[in-house]
Amino acid sequence: MEDQVWTASRVATLIGRKFHVSYSVSGATRLIHRLGFSPQAPARRVAERDERAVTAWKEATGAEVKEPGRLAGATSASRTKPGSPADR
């Protein structure tokens, strides 16, 4: 199956072929936005994807894999903030 995504480059090429006007990729992007269109990413899913297995993995293993956040009240290395190692 051929890729059917409309990129700014493809839009610029189409405009050039259809209207004999030259647009850069960034110019085509700005034109697309002015006309009220936004970039759309195609949903790419593997045909064999098992949604139940993905959900089960997220619930069982996902929390273990996540990086822990910053601890509350962690000290700063900044010399301007109290509690930095330089103040001790």
C-alpha atoms as a PDB file:
ATOM      1  CA  MET A   1       0.000   0.000   0.000  1.00  0.00           C
ATOM      2  CA  GLU A   2       1.359   3.408  -0.956  1.00  0.00           C
ATOM      3  CA  ASP A   3       1.746   6.149   1.657  1.00  0.00           C
ATOM      4  CA  GLN A   4      -1.225   8.536   1.269  1.00  0.00           C
ATOM      5  CA  VAL A   5      -0.184  11.260   3.724  1.00  0.00           C
ATOM      6  CA  TRP A   6      -0.437  14.861   2.498  1.00  0.00           C
ATOM      7  CA  THR A   7       2.828  16.465   3.564  1.00  0.00           C
ATOM      8  CA  ALA A   8       3.589  20.158   3.106  1.00  0.00           C
ATOM      9  CA  SER A   9       6.072  19.148   0.420  1.00  0.00           C
ATOM     10  CA  ARG A  10       3.393  17.270  -1.493  1.00  0.00           C
ATOM     11  CA  VAL A  11       0.958  20.172  -1.143  1.00  0.00           C
ATOM     12  CA  ALA A  12       3.602  22.597  -2.481  1.00  0.00           C
ATOM     13  CA  THR A  13       4.206  20.279  -5.460  1.00  0.00           C
ATOM     14  CA  LEU A  14       0.473  19.994  -6.154  1.00  0.00           C
ATOM     15  CA  ILE A  15       0.014  23.775  -6.022  1.00  0.00           C
ATOM     16  CA  GLY A  16       2.899  24.197  -8.438  1.00  0.00           C
ATOM     17  CA  ARG A  17       1.499  21.649 -10.906  1.00  0.00           C
ATOM     18  CA  LYS A  18      -2.102  22.826 -10.701  1.00  0.00           C
ATOM     19  CA  PHE A  19      -1.694  26.616 -10.517  1.00  0.00           C
ATOM     20  CA  HIS A  20       1.869  27.176 -11.829  1.00  0.00           C
ATOM     21  CA  VAL A  21       2.797  28.994  -8.613  1.00  0.00           C
ATOM     22  CA  SER A  22       5.922  28.128  -6.655  1.00  0.00           C
ATOM     23  CA  TYR A  23       5.656  27.657  -2.891  1.00  0.00           C
ATOM     24  CA  SER A  24       8.403  26.612  -0.493  1.00  0.00           C
ATOM     25  CA  VAL A  25       7.570  23.903   2.027  1.00  0.00           C
ATOM     26  CA  SER A  26       7.340  26.478   4.827  1.00  0.00           C
ATOM     27  CA  GLY A  27       5.176  28.723   2.614  1.00  0.00           C
ATOM     28  CA  ALA A  28       2.840  25.809   1.865  1.00  0.00           C
ATOM     29  CA  THR A  29       2.659  25.048   5.599  1.00  0.00           C
ATOM     30  CA  ARG A  30       1.666  28.650   6.383  1.00  0.00           C
ATOM     31  CA  LEU A  31      -0.920  28.622   3.585  1.00  0.00           C
ATOM     32  CA  ILE A  32      -2.425  25.371   4.874  1.00  0.00           C
ATOM     33  CA  HIS A  33      -2.719  26.870   8.368  1.00  0.00           C
ATOM     34  CA  ARG A  34      -4.267  30.117   7.041  1.00  0.00           C
ATOM     35  CA  LEU A  35      -6.912  28.022   5.271  1.00  0.00           C
ATOM     36  CA  GLY A  36      -7.803  26.421   8.606  1.00  0.00           C
ATOM     37  CA  PHE A  37      -6.216  23.017   8.106  1.00  0.00           C
ATOM     38  CA  SER A  38      -3.959  21.373  10.659  1.00  0.00           C
ATOM     39  CA  PRO A  39      -1.449  18.543  10.360  1.00  0.00           C
ATOM     40  CA  GLN A  40      -2.979  15.116  10.758  1.00  0.00           C
ATOM     41  CA  ALA A  41      -0.973  12.047  11.668  1.00  0.00           C
ATOM     42  CA  PRO A  42      -2.347   8.780  10.355  1.00  0.00           C
ATOM     43  CA  ALA A  43      -3.222   6.155  12.947  1.00  0.00           C
ATOM     44  CA  ARG A  44      -0.686   3.429  12.390  1.00  0.00           C
ATOM     45  CA  ARG A  45      -1.592   0.229  14.161  1.00  0.00           C
ATOM     46  CA  VAL A  46      -0.232  -3.219  13.642  1.00  0.00           C
ATOM     47  CA  ALA A  47      -2.956  -5.452  12.229  1.00  0.00           C
ATOM     48  CA  GLU A  48      -2.122  -8.140  14.781  1.00  0.00           C
ATOM     49  CA  ARG A  49      -2.237  -5.773  17.786  1.00  0.00           C
ATOM     50  CA  ASP A  50      -4.028  -7.309  20.767  1.00  0.00           C
ATOM     51  CA  GLU A  51      -5.638  -4.429  22.680  1.00  0.00           C
ATOM     52  CA  ARG A  52      -6.459  -6.614  25.704  1.00  0.00           C
ATOM     53  CA  ALA A  53      -2.811  -7.688  26.005  1.00  0.00           C
ATOM     54  CA  VAL A  54      -1.645  -4.057  25.732  1.00  0.00           C
ATOM     55  CA  THR A  55      -4.091  -2.957  28.443  1.00  0.00           C
ATOM     56  CA  ALA A  56      -3.066  -5.831  30.719  1.00  0.00           C
ATOM     57  CA  TRP A  57       0.620  -4.964  30.253  1.00  0.00           C
ATOM     58  CA  LYS A  58       0.001  -1.284  31.035  1.00  0.00           C
ATOM     59  CA  GLU A  59      -1.833  -2.178  34.238  1.00  0.00           C
ATOM     60  CA  ALA A  60       0.649  -4.833  35.412  1.00  0.00           C
ATOM     61  CA  THR A  61       4.011  -3.519  34.225  1.00  0.00           C
ATOM     62  CA  GLY A  62       3.500   0.105  33.175  1.00  0.00           C
ATOM     63  CA  ALA A  63       3.710   1.499  36.723  1.00  0.00           C
ATOM     64  CA  GLU A  64       7.009  -0.324  37.333  1.00  0.00           C
ATOM     65  CA  VAL A  65       8.552   1.084  34.172  1.00  0.00           C
ATOM     66  CA  LYS A  66       7.566   4.711  34.779  1.00  0.00           C
ATOM     67  CA  GLU A  67      10.338   6.927  36.086  1.00  0.00           C
ATOM     68  CA  PRO A  68       9.660   8.258  39.576  1.00  0.00           C
ATOM     69  CA  GLY A  69       9.028  11.983  39.802  1.00  0.00           C
ATOM     70  CA  ARG A  70      11.100  14.474  41.736  1.00  0.00           C
ATOM     71  CA  LEU A  71      10.750  14.225  45.481  1.00  0.00           C
ATOM     72  CA  ALA A  72       8.917  17.017  47.254  1.00  0.00           C
ATOM     73  CA  GLY A  73      11.233  19.386  49.084  1.00  0.00           C
ATOM     74  CA  ALA A  74      14.355  18.299  47.216  1.00  0.00           C
ATOM     75  CA  THR A  75      17.274  20.673  47.737  1.00  0.00           C
ATOM     76  CA  SER A  76      18.598  22.955  45.043  1.00  0.00           C
ATOM     77  CA  ALA A  77      22.193  23.302  43.906  1.00  0.00           C
ATOM     78  CA  SER A  78      21.603  27.010  43.259  1.00  0.00           C
ATOM     79  CA  ARG A  79      23.663  29.437  45.383  1.00  0.00           C
ATOM     80  CA  THR A  80      20.735  31.872  45.493  1.00  0.00           C
ATOM     81  CA  LYS A  81      18.231  29.484  47.049  1.00  0.00           C
ATOM     82  CA  PRO A  82      18.409  28.609  50.742  1.00  0.00           C
ATOM     83  CA  GLY A  83      19.050  24.976  51.448  1.00  0.00           C
ATOM     84  CA  SER A  84      21.673  24.562  48.741  1.00  0.00           C
ATOM     85  CA  PRO A  85      24.855  22.652  49.621  1.00  0.00           C
ATOM     86  CA  ALA A  86      26.823  25.931  49.518  1.00  0.00           C
ATOM     87  CA  ASP A  87      24.759  27.326  52.433  1.00  0.00           C
ATOM     88  CA  ARG A  88      25.723  24.484  54.766  1.00  0.00           C
END
